[in-house]
Amino acid sequence: MSVLVTGCTGFIGSNLATKLVENGYSVYGLVRHVARKELEPLDSILDKIRLIEGDLSTYHSVSSAIGNVQPQFVLHLGALSPVRLSFENPFPYISTNFEGTVNIIHSMLEKAPKAKLIFASTAEVYGWQNKREPIKEIAALNPASPYAVCKEAADQYVQMAMRIYDFKATVLRPINSYGRRGEKGFFVEYLVSKMLKNETCYIGAPKSIRDYMFVDDHVNAYLLAMKSEKATGEVFNVSPSNPVTNEKLASILSEIIGFNGKIVFGSYPPGYPSRPIAQDPDYLVLDSTKIRETIGWKPTVSLDEGLRKTTESWKTNP
């Protein structure tokens, strides 16, 4: 079976493409014209994956790619993801994250109407909630950033297409993932990279509560959703349900690493792109009962184990 993966050079996309190759799928990756360095996450499978040059924000480009590949599945992970940067420059997020998804949907309807889409939404679409309790899929969507607004619009467009066009799709709303190597712009990896060097760590919102999901569990959710007929037409939260404050997460990592350096609470790192504090939800925890009961997904890596794996990978390959 052929699978087209957008965002295949990204963190989750590259890990997902690798797992698909290992499972025997014919894998295609939609990429913009990129430098060789940007393909490094795919080094282990570059001779086993077919790269298709294209631009999500251009309908003809996307339509041509889907028409040429004729995939049975499209795993749409391609997006601009740095939330903080979206406040200052929202326009690329609109064209890539929302319009790009619309282009994917209508290209599939036109060129590959029997194919199934797995769409990567995000927990960020929930934004502010009235109650501090794990959020179910039926909760109101109150996105709290330009990034999240664009992802919510795309999420809703997929759901509309499922109803109006009888479009085959599944929407996944994953919580924060970790396990990256070499990327310091995400909270877990930022802390690991700083603590291993015994440098000062800054935690802007120490009391904020989040779930954290290891990369392997995230990737497995896409594989299960792709294979399961029960997933078609559904929206799923994907989360290990392990809520922890930012402060506590730093404490766990300090113990794992043996960090005795300075931690500054209530302040972001110097030069860090500002996310308006008043707009940042202080509680974002998902209820993942539905995906567990419907298609049998469950986390396999505990928070402690995942943080240890991440730390070890930074030690050997920073």
Foldseek 3Di string as FASTA:
>chain_A
DEEEEEPCLDDLNVVLQVVCVVVPHAYEYEAAPDDPVSNVSNVVCPVRYHYQHAALLDLVRLLVVCLVRLGQEYEYPDADDPQLVCQVPVVVRQSRLANSLVSNQVSCVVRHQNHEYEYEAALQQQFDDPDQDADEPPHDGDHLTSNSVRSVNSVVVVLVCCPPVVGWYAYEHEWAEDQDEPDCLDLLNVLLVQQLVLHEAEAQQQQFKGFYAYSVLVSVLVVLLNPDPLRISYYFYRGQQDIDGSNVLSVLLCVLNVHDHHYHYNDHPPPRRDDPPVRGHRHRHHDGVVSCVRRNRHGDADPSRRSNSSSVCRVVHD
